[in-house]
PDB file of N, CA and C in Angstrom:
ATOM      1  N   UNK A   1     -72.395  68.451  22.687  1.00  0.00           N
ATOM      2  CA  UNK A   1     -71.751  67.877  23.818  1.00  0.00           C
ATOM      3  C   UNK A   1     -70.104  68.262  23.436  1.00  0.00           C
ATOM      4  N   UNK A   2     -69.357  68.849  24.340  1.00  0.00           N
ATOM      5  CA  UNK A   2     -67.976  69.389  24.335  1.00  0.00           C
ATOM      6  C   UNK A   2     -67.324  68.191  24.110  1.00  0.00           C
ATOM      7  N   UNK A   3     -66.143  68.096  23.191  1.00  0.00           N
ATOM      8  CA  UNK A   3     -65.216  67.048  23.399  1.00  0.00           C
ATOM      9  C   UNK A   3     -64.082  66.906  24.394  1.00  0.00           C
ATOM     10  N   UNK A   4     -63.821  65.986  24.770  1.00  0.00           N
ATOM     11  CA  UNK A   4     -62.800  65.980  25.642  1.00  0.00           C
ATOM     12  C   UNK A   4     -61.798  66.719  25.578  1.00  0.00           C
ATOM     13  N   UNK A   5     -60.699  67.398  26.283  1.00  0.00           N
ATOM     14  CA  UNK A   5     -59.466  68.083  26.122  1.00  0.00           C
ATOM     15  C   UNK A   5     -58.395  67.130  25.624  1.00  0.00           C
ATOM     16  N   UNK A   6     -58.664  65.749  26.241  1.00  0.00           N
ATOM     17  CA  UNK A   6     -57.310  64.785  25.810  1.00  0.00           C
ATOM     18  C   UNK A   6     -57.461  64.375  24.463  1.00  0.00           C
ATOM     19  N   UNK A   7     -56.458  64.146  23.803  1.00  0.00           N
ATOM     20  CA  UNK A   7     -56.381  63.568  22.619  1.00  0.00           C
ATOM     21  C   UNK A   7     -55.055  62.645  22.749  1.00  0.00           C
ATOM     22  N   UNK A   8     -55.255  61.356  22.439  1.00  0.00           N
ATOM     23  CA  UNK A   8     -54.164  60.220  22.517  1.00  0.00           C
ATOM     24  C   UNK A   8     -52.880  60.499  21.262  1.00  0.00           C
ATOM     25  N   UNK A   9     -51.800  60.223  21.828  1.00  0.00           N
ATOM     26  CA  UNK A   9     -50.492  60.326  20.968  1.00  0.00           C
ATOM     27  C   UNK A   9     -50.785  59.820  19.507  1.00  0.00           C
ATOM     28  N   UNK A  10     -51.397  58.652  19.505  1.00  0.00           N
ATOM     29  CA  UNK A  10     -51.781  57.679  18.169  1.00  0.00           C
ATOM     30  C   UNK A  10     -52.616  58.574  17.281  1.00  0.00           C
ATOM     31  N   UNK A  11     -53.557  59.406  17.764  1.00  0.00           N
ATOM     32  CA  UNK A  11     -54.700  60.418  17.116  1.00  0.00           C
ATOM     33  C   UNK A  11     -53.788  61.467  16.532  1.00  0.00           C
ATOM     34  N   UNK A  12     -52.771  62.023  17.386  1.00  0.00           N
ATOM     35  CA  UNK A  12     -51.818  63.206  16.875  1.00  0.00           C
ATOM     36  C   UNK A  12     -51.226  62.587  15.581  1.00  0.00           C
ATOM     37  N   UNK A  13     -50.497  61.557  15.846  1.00  0.00           N
ATOM     38  CA  UNK A  13     -49.594  60.931  14.894  1.00  0.00           C
ATOM     39  C   UNK A  13     -50.305  60.929  13.439  1.00  0.00           C
ATOM     40  N   UNK A  14     -51.806  60.235  13.634  1.00  0.00           N
ATOM     41  CA  UNK A  14     -52.470  60.135  12.479  1.00  0.00           C
ATOM     42  C   UNK A  14     -52.887  61.311  11.740  1.00  0.00           C
ATOM     43  N   UNK A  15     -53.194  62.450  12.680  1.00  0.00           N
ATOM     44  CA  UNK A  15     -53.309  63.767  12.195  1.00  0.00           C
ATOM     45  C   UNK A  15     -52.035  64.274  11.239  1.00  0.00           C
ATOM     46  N   UNK A  16     -51.036  64.226  11.592  1.00  0.00           N
ATOM     47  CA  UNK A  16     -49.566  64.312  11.181  1.00  0.00           C
ATOM     48  C   UNK A  16     -49.187  63.669   9.942  1.00  0.00           C
ATOM     49  N   UNK A  17     -49.669  62.399   9.973  1.00  0.00           N
ATOM     50  CA  UNK A  17     -49.323  61.613   8.729  1.00  0.00           C
ATOM     51  C   UNK A  17     -50.433  61.795   7.864  1.00  0.00           C
ATOM     52  N   UNK A  18     -51.583  62.305   7.993  1.00  0.00           N
ATOM     53  CA  UNK A  18     -52.642  62.766   7.210  1.00  0.00           C
ATOM     54  C   UNK A  18     -52.529  64.124   6.465  1.00  0.00           C
ATOM     55  N   UNK A  19     -51.351  64.843   7.059  1.00  0.00           N
ATOM     56  CA  UNK A  19     -51.235  66.193   6.628  1.00  0.00           C
ATOM     57  C   UNK A  19     -52.454  67.241   7.181  1.00  0.00           C
ATOM     58  N   UNK A  20     -52.997  66.649   8.018  1.00  0.00           N
ATOM     59  CA  UNK A  20     -54.172  67.640   8.772  1.00  0.00           C
ATOM     60  C   UNK A  20     -53.654  69.070   9.027  1.00  0.00           C
ATOM     61  N   UNK A  21     -54.536  70.062   8.753  1.00  0.00           N
ATOM     62  CA  UNK A  21     -54.081  71.407   9.117  1.00  0.00           C
ATOM     63  C   UNK A  21     -54.484  71.770  10.526  1.00  0.00           C
ATOM     64  N   UNK A  22     -53.356  71.901  11.425  1.00  0.00           N
ATOM     65  CA  UNK A  22     -53.555  71.899  12.670  1.00  0.00           C
ATOM     66  C   UNK A  22     -52.379  72.470  13.339  1.00  0.00           C
ATOM     67  N   UNK A  23     -52.520  73.134  14.505  1.00  0.00           N
ATOM     68  CA  UNK A  23     -51.228  73.450  15.291  1.00  0.00           C
ATOM     69  C   UNK A  23     -50.938  72.703  16.418  1.00  0.00           C
ATOM     70  N   UNK A  24     -49.705  72.259  16.455  1.00  0.00           N
ATOM     71  CA  UNK A  24     -48.888  71.466  17.508  1.00  0.00           C
ATOM     72  C   UNK A  24     -48.040  72.519  18.164  1.00  0.00           C
ATOM     73  N   UNK A  25     -48.715  72.742  19.677  1.00  0.00           N
ATOM     74  CA  UNK A  25     -47.938  73.761  20.128  1.00  0.00           C
ATOM     75  C   UNK A  25     -47.256  72.917  21.398  1.00  0.00           C
ATOM     76  N   UNK A  26     -45.899  73.086  21.810  1.00  0.00           N
ATOM     77  CA  UNK A  26     -45.176  72.510  23.045  1.00  0.00           C
ATOM     78  C   UNK A  26     -45.134  73.476  23.820  1.00  0.00           C
ATOM     79  N   UNK A  27     -45.530  73.435  24.965  1.00  0.00           N
ATOM     80  CA  UNK A  27     -45.601  74.534  26.116  1.00  0.00           C
ATOM     81  C   UNK A  27     -44.644  74.167  27.181  1.00  0.00           C
ATOM     82  N   UNK A  28     -43.426  73.408  26.835  1.00  0.00           N
ATOM     83  CA  UNK A  28     -42.619  73.140  27.626  1.00  0.00           C
ATOM     84  C   UNK A  28     -41.495  74.193  27.629  1.00  0.00           C
ATOM     85  N   UNK A  29     -40.473  74.390  28.488  1.00  0.00           N
ATOM     86  CA  UNK A  29     -39.592  75.315  28.616  1.00  0.00           C
ATOM     87  C   UNK A  29     -38.559  75.158  27.625  1.00  0.00           C
ATOM     88  N   UNK A  30     -37.794  76.165  26.905  1.00  0.00           N
ATOM     89  CA  UNK A  30     -36.716  76.265  25.962  1.00  0.00           C
ATOM     90  C   UNK A  30     -35.635  75.016  25.999  1.00  0.00           C
ATOM     91  N   UNK A  31     -35.305  74.743  27.220  1.00  0.00           N
ATOM     92  CA  UNK A  31     -34.217  73.856  27.570  1.00  0.00           C
ATOM     93  C   UNK A  31     -34.862  72.378  27.262  1.00  0.00           C
ATOM     94  N   UNK A  32     -36.195  72.253  27.617  1.00  0.00           N
ATOM     95  CA  UNK A  32     -36.843  70.881  27.574  1.00  0.00           C
ATOM     96  C   UNK A  32     -36.946  70.722  25.939  1.00  0.00           C
ATOM     97  N   UNK A  33     -37.514  71.774  25.130  1.00  0.00           N
ATOM     98  CA  UNK A  33     -37.501  71.549  23.863  1.00  0.00           C
ATOM     99  C   UNK A  33     -36.347  70.841  23.176  1.00  0.00           C
ATOM    100  N   UNK A  34     -35.162  71.387  23.597  1.00  0.00           N
ATOM    101  CA  UNK A  34     -34.066  71.182  23.118  1.00  0.00           C
ATOM    102  C   UNK A  34     -33.686  69.841  23.046  1.00  0.00           C
ATOM    103  N   UNK A  35     -34.153  69.111  24.557  1.00  0.00           N
ATOM    104  CA  UNK A  35     -33.808  67.891  24.851  1.00  0.00           C
ATOM    105  C   UNK A  35     -34.652  66.700  23.966  1.00  0.00           C
ATOM    106  N   UNK A  36     -35.765  67.277  23.593  1.00  0.00           N
ATOM    107  CA  UNK A  36     -36.911  66.284  22.752  1.00  0.00           C
ATOM    108  C   UNK A  36     -38.054  67.128  22.326  1.00  0.00           C
ATOM    109  N   UNK A  37     -38.197  66.837  20.812  1.00  0.00           N
ATOM    110  CA  UNK A  37     -39.132  67.468  20.219  1.00  0.00           C
ATOM    111  C   UNK A  37     -39.645  66.735  19.013  1.00  0.00           C
ATOM    112  N   UNK A  38     -41.092  67.079  18.797  1.00  0.00           N
ATOM    113  CA  UNK A  38     -41.667  66.633  17.563  1.00  0.00           C
ATOM    114  C   UNK A  38     -41.673  67.479  16.303  1.00  0.00           C
ATOM    115  N   UNK A  39     -41.166  66.757  15.360  1.00  0.00           N
ATOM    116  CA  UNK A  39     -41.037  67.814  14.110  1.00  0.00           C
ATOM    117  C   UNK A  39     -42.214  68.465  13.713  1.00  0.00           C
ATOM    118  N   UNK A  40     -42.219  69.704  13.536  1.00  0.00           N
ATOM    119  CA  UNK A  40     -43.093  70.693  13.553  1.00  0.00           C
ATOM    120  C   UNK A  40     -44.099  71.335  14.420  1.00  0.00           C
ATOM    121  N   UNK A  41     -43.604  70.748  15.714  1.00  0.00           N
ATOM    122  CA  UNK A  41     -44.210  71.662  16.883  1.00  0.00           C
ATOM    123  C   UNK A  41     -43.670  72.743  16.965  1.00  0.00           C
ATOM    124  N   UNK A  42     -44.411  73.948  17.260  1.00  0.00           N
ATOM    125  CA  UNK A  42     -44.260  75.396  17.840  1.00  0.00           C
ATOM    126  C   UNK A  42     -44.103  75.250  19.155  1.00  0.00           C
ATOM    127  N   UNK A  43     -42.797  76.064  19.474  1.00  0.00           N
ATOM    128  CA  UNK A  43     -42.582  76.172  20.996  1.00  0.00           C
ATOM    129  C   UNK A  43     -43.052  77.389  21.431  1.00  0.00           C
ATOM    130  N   UNK A  44     -44.116  77.314  22.279  1.00  0.00           N
ATOM    131  CA  UNK A  44     -44.502  78.638  22.949  1.00  0.00           C
ATOM    132  C   UNK A  44     -44.572  78.100  24.527  1.00  0.00           C
ATOM    133  N   UNK A  45     -43.675  78.537  25.302  1.00  0.00           N
ATOM    134  CA  UNK A  45     -43.744  78.034  26.600  1.00  0.00           C
ATOM    135  C   UNK A  45     -44.907  78.541  27.320  1.00  0.00           C
ATOM    136  N   UNK A  46     -45.385  77.745  28.390  1.00  0.00           N
ATOM    137  CA  UNK A  46     -46.779  77.885  28.938  1.00  0.00           C
ATOM    138  C   UNK A  46     -46.918  79.411  29.475  1.00  0.00           C
ATOM    139  N   UNK A  47     -45.947  79.881  30.196  1.00  0.00           N
ATOM    140  CA  UNK A  47     -46.031  81.131  30.636  1.00  0.00           C
ATOM    141  C   UNK A  47     -46.029  82.288  29.763  1.00  0.00           C
ATOM    142  N   UNK A  48     -45.591  81.907  28.598  1.00  0.00           N
ATOM    143  CA  UNK A  48     -45.879  83.121  27.551  1.00  0.00           C
ATOM    144  C   UNK A  48     -47.157  82.914  26.645  1.00  0.00           C
ATOM    145  N   UNK A  49     -48.125  81.757  26.949  1.00  0.00           N
ATOM    146  CA  UNK A  49     -49.258  81.933  26.123  1.00  0.00           C
ATOM    147  C   UNK A  49     -50.090  83.137  26.014  1.00  0.00           C
ATOM    148  N   UNK A  50     -50.262  83.889  27.022  1.00  0.00           N
ATOM    149  CA  UNK A  50     -51.194  85.083  26.890  1.00  0.00           C
ATOM    150  C   UNK A  50     -50.545  86.079  25.983  1.00  0.00           C
ATOM    151  N   UNK A  51     -49.497  86.252  25.775  1.00  0.00           N
ATOM    152  CA  UNK A  51     -48.941  87.180  24.923  1.00  0.00           C
ATOM    153  C   UNK A  51     -48.755  86.590  23.297  1.00  0.00           C
ATOM    154  N   UNK A  52     -49.068  85.262  23.328  1.00  0.00           N
ATOM    155  CA  UNK A  52     -48.956  84.571  21.966  1.00  0.00           C
ATOM    156  C   UNK A  52     -50.267  84.174  21.562  1.00  0.00           C
ATOM    157  N   UNK A  53     -51.119  84.583  22.180  1.00  0.00           N
ATOM    158  CA  UNK A  53     -52.389  84.257  21.891  1.00  0.00           C
ATOM    159  C   UNK A  53     -52.745  84.150  20.449  1.00  0.00           C
ATOM    160  N   UNK A  54     -52.391  85.276  19.526  1.00  0.00           N
ATOM    161  CA  UNK A  54     -52.936  85.477  18.463  1.00  0.00           C
ATOM    162  C   UNK A  54     -52.205  84.381  17.589  1.00  0.00           C
ATOM    163  N   UNK A  55     -51.107  83.712  17.860  1.00  0.00           N
ATOM    164  CA  UNK A  55     -50.775  82.734  17.259  1.00  0.00           C
ATOM    165  C   UNK A  55     -51.609  81.470  17.057  1.00  0.00           C
ATOM    166  N   UNK A  56     -52.383  81.543  18.207  1.00  0.00           N
ATOM    167  CA  UNK A  56     -53.375  80.327  18.458  1.00  0.00           C
ATOM    168  C   UNK A  56     -54.679  80.426  17.898  1.00  0.00           C
ATOM    169  N   UNK A  57     -55.150  81.769  17.424  1.00  0.00           N
ATOM    170  CA  UNK A  57     -56.359  82.072  16.725  1.00  0.00           C
ATOM    171  C   UNK A  57     -56.479  82.112  15.502  1.00  0.00           C
ATOM    172  N   UNK A  58     -56.102  81.071  14.948  1.00  0.00           N
ATOM    173  CA  UNK A  58     -55.920  80.746  13.355  1.00  0.00           C
ATOM    174  C   UNK A  58     -57.195  79.932  12.896  1.00  0.00           C
ATOM    175  N   UNK A  59     -58.286  79.702  13.636  1.00  0.00           N
ATOM    176  CA  UNK A  59     -59.339  78.896  12.924  1.00  0.00           C
ATOM    177  C   UNK A  59     -58.940  77.486  12.670  1.00  0.00           C
ATOM    178  N   UNK A  60     -57.873  76.856  13.252  1.00  0.00           N
ATOM    179  CA  UNK A  60     -57.692  75.590  12.951  1.00  0.00           C
ATOM    180  C   UNK A  60     -57.672  74.971  14.234  1.00  0.00           C
ATOM    181  N   UNK A  61     -57.678  73.700  14.383  1.00  0.00           N
ATOM    182  CA  UNK A  61     -57.331  72.905  15.741  1.00  0.00           C
ATOM    183  C   UNK A  61     -56.134  72.985  16.417  1.00  0.00           C
ATOM    184  N   UNK A  62     -55.978  73.221  17.602  1.00  0.00           N
ATOM    185  CA  UNK A  62     -54.684  73.417  18.395  1.00  0.00           C
ATOM    186  C   UNK A  62     -54.463  72.333  19.192  1.00  0.00           C
ATOM    187  N   UNK A  63     -53.452  71.370  19.178  1.00  0.00           N
ATOM    188  CA  UNK A  63     -52.855  70.659  20.070  1.00  0.00           C
ATOM    189  C   UNK A  63     -51.790  70.926  21.054  1.00  0.00           C
ATOM    190  N   UNK A  64     -51.957  70.947  22.248  1.00  0.00           N
ATOM    191  CA  UNK A  64     -50.823  71.411  23.045  1.00  0.00           C
ATOM    192  C   UNK A  64     -50.345  70.151  23.533  1.00  0.00           C
ATOM    193  N   UNK A  65     -48.824  70.140  23.830  1.00  0.00           N
ATOM    194  CA  UNK A  65     -48.173  68.946  24.413  1.00  0.00           C
ATOM    195  C   UNK A  65     -47.083  69.680  25.496  1.00  0.00           C
ATOM    196  N   UNK A  66     -46.764  68.725  26.216  1.00  0.00           N
ATOM    197  CA  UNK A  66     -45.655  68.967  27.234  1.00  0.00           C
ATOM    198  C   UNK A  66     -44.896  67.883  27.671  1.00  0.00           C
ATOM    199  N   UNK A  67     -44.314  67.748  28.777  1.00  0.00           N
ATOM    200  CA  UNK A  67     -43.811  66.500  29.061  1.00  0.00           C
ATOM    201  C   UNK A  67     -44.164  65.260  29.509  1.00  0.00           C
ATOM    202  N   UNK A  68     -45.638  65.696  30.276  1.00  0.00           N
ATOM    203  CA  UNK A  68     -46.256  64.473  30.806  1.00  0.00           C
ATOM    204  C   UNK A  68     -47.735  64.577  30.587  1.00  0.00           C
ATOM    205  N   UNK A  69     -48.018  66.036  30.329  1.00  0.00           N
ATOM    206  CA  UNK A  69     -49.800  66.227  29.957  1.00  0.00           C
ATOM    207  C   UNK A  69     -50.266  67.132  30.897  1.00  0.00           C
ATOM    208  N   UNK A  70     -49.698  67.383  32.023  1.00  0.00           N
ATOM    209  CA  UNK A  70     -50.353  68.417  32.732  1.00  0.00           C
ATOM    210  C   UNK A  70     -50.191  70.061  32.533  1.00  0.00           C
ATOM    211  N   UNK A  71     -49.202  70.360  32.075  1.00  0.00           N
ATOM    212  CA  UNK A  71     -49.177  71.697  31.511  1.00  0.00           C
ATOM    213  C   UNK A  71     -50.315  71.637  30.325  1.00  0.00           C
ATOM    214  N   UNK A  72     -49.861  70.785  29.221  1.00  0.00           N
ATOM    215  CA  UNK A  72     -50.682  71.071  28.066  1.00  0.00           C
ATOM    216  C   UNK A  72     -52.324  70.909  28.505  1.00  0.00           C
ATOM    217  N   UNK A  73     -52.685  70.323  29.448  1.00  0.00           N
ATOM    218  CA  UNK A  73     -54.121  69.981  29.823  1.00  0.00           C
ATOM    219  C   UNK A  73     -54.378  71.446  30.363  1.00  0.00           C
ATOM    220  N   UNK A  74     -53.514  72.108  31.261  1.00  0.00           N
ATOM    221  CA  UNK A  74     -53.818  73.520  31.726  1.00  0.00           C
ATOM    222  C   UNK A  74     -53.910  74.371  30.529  1.00  0.00           C
ATOM    223  N   UNK A  75     -52.983  74.246  29.542  1.00  0.00           N
ATOM    224  CA  UNK A  75     -52.982  75.267  28.420  1.00  0.00           C
ATOM    225  C   UNK A  75     -54.417  75.107  27.586  1.00  0.00           C
ATOM    226  N   UNK A  76     -54.625  73.699  27.221  1.00  0.00           N
ATOM    227  CA  UNK A  76     -55.959  73.629  26.453  1.00  0.00           C
ATOM    228  C   UNK A  76     -57.100  74.083  27.066  1.00  0.00           C
ATOM    229  N   UNK A  77     -57.324  73.884  28.404  1.00  0.00           N
ATOM    230  CA  UNK A  77     -58.456  74.628  29.113  1.00  0.00           C
ATOM    231  C   UNK A  77     -58.302  75.905  29.295  1.00  0.00           C
ATOM    232  N   UNK A  78     -57.229  76.523  29.297  1.00  0.00           N
ATOM    233  CA  UNK A  78     -57.187  78.075  29.419  1.00  0.00           C
ATOM    234  C   UNK A  78     -57.356  78.606  27.815  1.00  0.00           C
ATOM    235  N   UNK A  79     -56.986  77.812  26.907  1.00  0.00           N
ATOM    236  CA  UNK A  79     -57.459  78.242  25.483  1.00  0.00           C
ATOM    237  C   UNK A  79     -58.925  78.269  25.225  1.00  0.00           C
ATOM    238  N   UNK A  80     -59.405  77.268  25.725  1.00  0.00           N
ATOM    239  CA  UNK A  80     -60.666  77.038  25.620  1.00  0.00           C
ATOM    240  C   UNK A  80     -61.591  78.241  26.052  1.00  0.00           C
ATOM    241  N   UNK A  81     -61.147  78.740  27.476  1.00  0.00           N
ATOM    242  CA  UNK A  81     -61.658  79.887  28.169  1.00  0.00           C
ATOM    243  C   UNK A  81     -61.534  81.214  27.195  1.00  0.00           C
ATOM    244  N   UNK A  82     -60.463  80.827  26.428  1.00  0.00           N
ATOM    245  CA  UNK A  82     -60.305  82.209  25.310  1.00  0.00           C
ATOM    246  C   UNK A  82     -60.936  82.298  24.160  1.00  0.00           C
ATOM    247  N   UNK A  83     -61.528  81.044  23.991  1.00  0.00           N
ATOM    248  CA  UNK A  83     -62.571  81.121  22.667  1.00  0.00           C
ATOM    249  C   UNK A  83     -61.953  80.093  21.732  1.00  0.00           C
ATOM    250  N   UNK A  84     -60.892  79.443  21.957  1.00  0.00           N
ATOM    251  CA  UNK A  84     -60.289  78.564  21.198  1.00  0.00           C
ATOM    252  C   UNK A  84     -60.998  77.058  21.396  1.00  0.00           C
ATOM    253  N   UNK A  85     -62.045  76.963  20.918  1.00  0.00           N
ATOM    254  CA  UNK A  85     -62.905  75.617  21.317  1.00  0.00           C
ATOM    255  C   UNK A  85     -62.196  74.209  20.937  1.00  0.00           C
ATOM    256  N   UNK A  86     -61.582  74.310  19.779  1.00  0.00           N
ATOM    257  CA  UNK A  86     -60.944  73.288  19.411  1.00  0.00           C
ATOM    258  C   UNK A  86     -59.486  72.756  19.979  1.00  0.00           C
ATOM    259  N   UNK A  87     -59.156  73.301  21.190  1.00  0.00           N
ATOM    260  CA  UNK A  87     -57.798  73.098  21.717  1.00  0.00           C
ATOM    261  C   UNK A  87     -57.782  71.820  22.449  1.00  0.00           C
ATOM    262  N   UNK A  88     -56.886  71.097  22.433  1.00  0.00           N
ATOM    263  CA  UNK A  88     -56.770  69.703  22.755  1.00  0.00           C
ATOM    264  C   UNK A  88     -55.258  69.801  23.530  1.00  0.00           C
ATOM    265  N   UNK A  89     -55.310  68.466  24.366  1.00  0.00           N
ATOM    266  CA  UNK A  89     -54.076  68.173  25.065  1.00  0.00           C
ATOM    267  C   UNK A  89     -53.586  67.055  24.681  1.00  0.00           C
ATOM    268  N   UNK A  90     -52.251  66.614  24.416  1.00  0.00           N
ATOM    269  CA  UNK A  90     -51.974  65.236  24.019  1.00  0.00           C
ATOM    270  C   UNK A  90     -51.747  64.834  25.346  1.00  0.00           C
ATOM    271  N   UNK A  91     -52.387  63.477  25.425  1.00  0.00           N
ATOM    272  CA  UNK A  91     -52.100  62.820  26.833  1.00  0.00           C
ATOM    273  C   UNK A  91     -50.807  62.225  26.927  1.00  0.00           C
ATOM    274  N   UNK A  92     -50.199  62.282  28.046  1.00  0.00           N
ATOM    275  CA  UNK A  92     -48.743  61.842  28.440  1.00  0.00           C
ATOM    276  C   UNK A  92     -47.782  62.422  27.685  1.00  0.00           C
ATOM    277  N   UNK A  93     -47.987  63.398  26.996  1.00  0.00           N
ATOM    278  CA  UNK A  93     -46.815  64.458  26.320  1.00  0.00           C
ATOM    279  C   UNK A  93     -45.753  63.768  25.628  1.00  0.00           C
ATOM    280  N   UNK A  94     -44.566  64.360  25.363  1.00  0.00           N
ATOM    281  CA  UNK A  94     -43.884  63.938  24.766  1.00  0.00           C
ATOM    282  C   UNK A  94     -42.996  62.529  25.309  1.00  0.00           C
ATOM    283  N   UNK A  95     -43.264  62.307  26.682  1.00  0.00           N
ATOM    284  CA  UNK A  95     -42.845  61.181  27.248  1.00  0.00           C
ATOM    285  C   UNK A  95     -43.735  59.774  26.446  1.00  0.00           C
ATOM    286  N   UNK A  96     -44.845  60.032  26.395  1.00  0.00           N
ATOM    287  CA  UNK A  96     -45.733  58.857  26.027  1.00  0.00           C
ATOM    288  C   UNK A  96     -45.452  58.947  24.489  1.00  0.00           C
ATOM    289  N   UNK A  97     -45.283  60.000  23.743  1.00  0.00           N
ATOM    290  CA  UNK A  97     -44.884  59.853  22.447  1.00  0.00           C
ATOM    291  C   UNK A  97     -43.763  59.202  22.049  1.00  0.00           C
ATOM    292  N   UNK A  98     -42.499  59.314  23.157  1.00  0.00           N
ATOM    293  CA  UNK A  98     -41.408  58.686  22.905  1.00  0.00           C
ATOM    294  C   UNK A  98     -41.477  57.161  23.259  1.00  0.00           C
ATOM    295  N   UNK A  99     -42.298  56.721  23.930  1.00  0.00           N
ATOM    296  CA  UNK A  99     -42.611  55.404  24.400  1.00  0.00           C
ATOM    297  C   UNK A  99     -43.540  54.637  22.867  1.00  0.00           C
ATOM    298  N   UNK A 100     -44.599  55.308  22.926  1.00  0.00           N
ATOM    299  CA  UNK A 100     -45.811  54.844  21.958  1.00  0.00           C
ATOM    300  C   UNK A 100     -45.654  55.097  20.461  1.00  0.00           C
ATOM    301  N   UNK A 101     -45.053  56.045  19.977  1.00  0.00           N
ATOM    302  CA  UNK A 101     -44.966  56.646  18.559  1.00  0.00           C
ATOM    303  C   UNK A 101     -43.545  56.453  18.049  1.00  0.00           C
ATOM    304  N   UNK A 102     -42.517  57.373  18.748  1.00  0.00           N
ATOM    305  CA  UNK A 102     -41.209  57.433  18.041  1.00  0.00           C
ATOM    306  C   UNK A 102     -40.094  57.138  19.227  1.00  0.00           C
ATOM    307  N   UNK A 103     -39.542  55.883  19.195  1.00  0.00           N
ATOM    308  CA  UNK A 103     -38.702  55.572  20.430  1.00  0.00           C
ATOM    309  C   UNK A 103     -37.279  56.138  20.193  1.00  0.00           C
ATOM    310  N   UNK A 104     -37.165  56.981  19.021  1.00  0.00           N
ATOM    311  CA  UNK A 104     -35.663  57.757  18.803  1.00  0.00           C
ATOM    312  C   UNK A 104     -35.724  58.850  19.604  1.00  0.00           C
ATOM    313  N   UNK A 105     -36.749  59.545  20.173  1.00  0.00           N
ATOM    314  CA  UNK A 105     -36.971  60.744  20.640  1.00  0.00           C
ATOM    315  C   UNK A 105     -36.623  60.221  22.347  1.00  0.00           C
ATOM    316  N   UNK A 106     -35.391  61.087  22.847  1.00  0.00           N
ATOM    317  CA  UNK A 106     -35.063  60.735  23.970  1.00  0.00           C
ATOM    318  C   UNK A 106     -35.990  61.025  25.093  1.00  0.00           C
ATOM    319  N   UNK A 107     -36.030  59.959  26.270  1.00  0.00           N
ATOM    320  CA  UNK A 107     -37.032  60.147  27.458  1.00  0.00           C
ATOM    321  C   UNK A 107     -36.117  61.049  28.480  1.00  0.00           C
ATOM    322  N   UNK A 108     -36.583  61.702  29.264  1.00  0.00           N
ATOM    323  CA  UNK A 108     -35.884  62.361  30.357  1.00  0.00           C
ATOM    324  C   UNK A 108     -36.753  62.662  31.443  1.00  0.00           C
TER     325      UNK A 108
END
């Protein structure tokens, strides 16, 4: 059975805290990334994913994130179609992260 594309912010936080080897990809636009970001996230705007696919094909899990979860869901579904089976989308995006995990990250 294929795993859900969604992953909760708390699960992503647990992966970060445990030092798991995965790629956290922020698909928001550069100006959004400057407003609020998660330490260690790699900024690859959604529109540039096809030209950056080589960065995603590293045989480790990929978690996409955006502002609210729509763009990252699209990114994860697209990545799975490209053969990146362990692509996930952080539910609720940076907005949920700001509320549930780290309230020091600004909401916008």
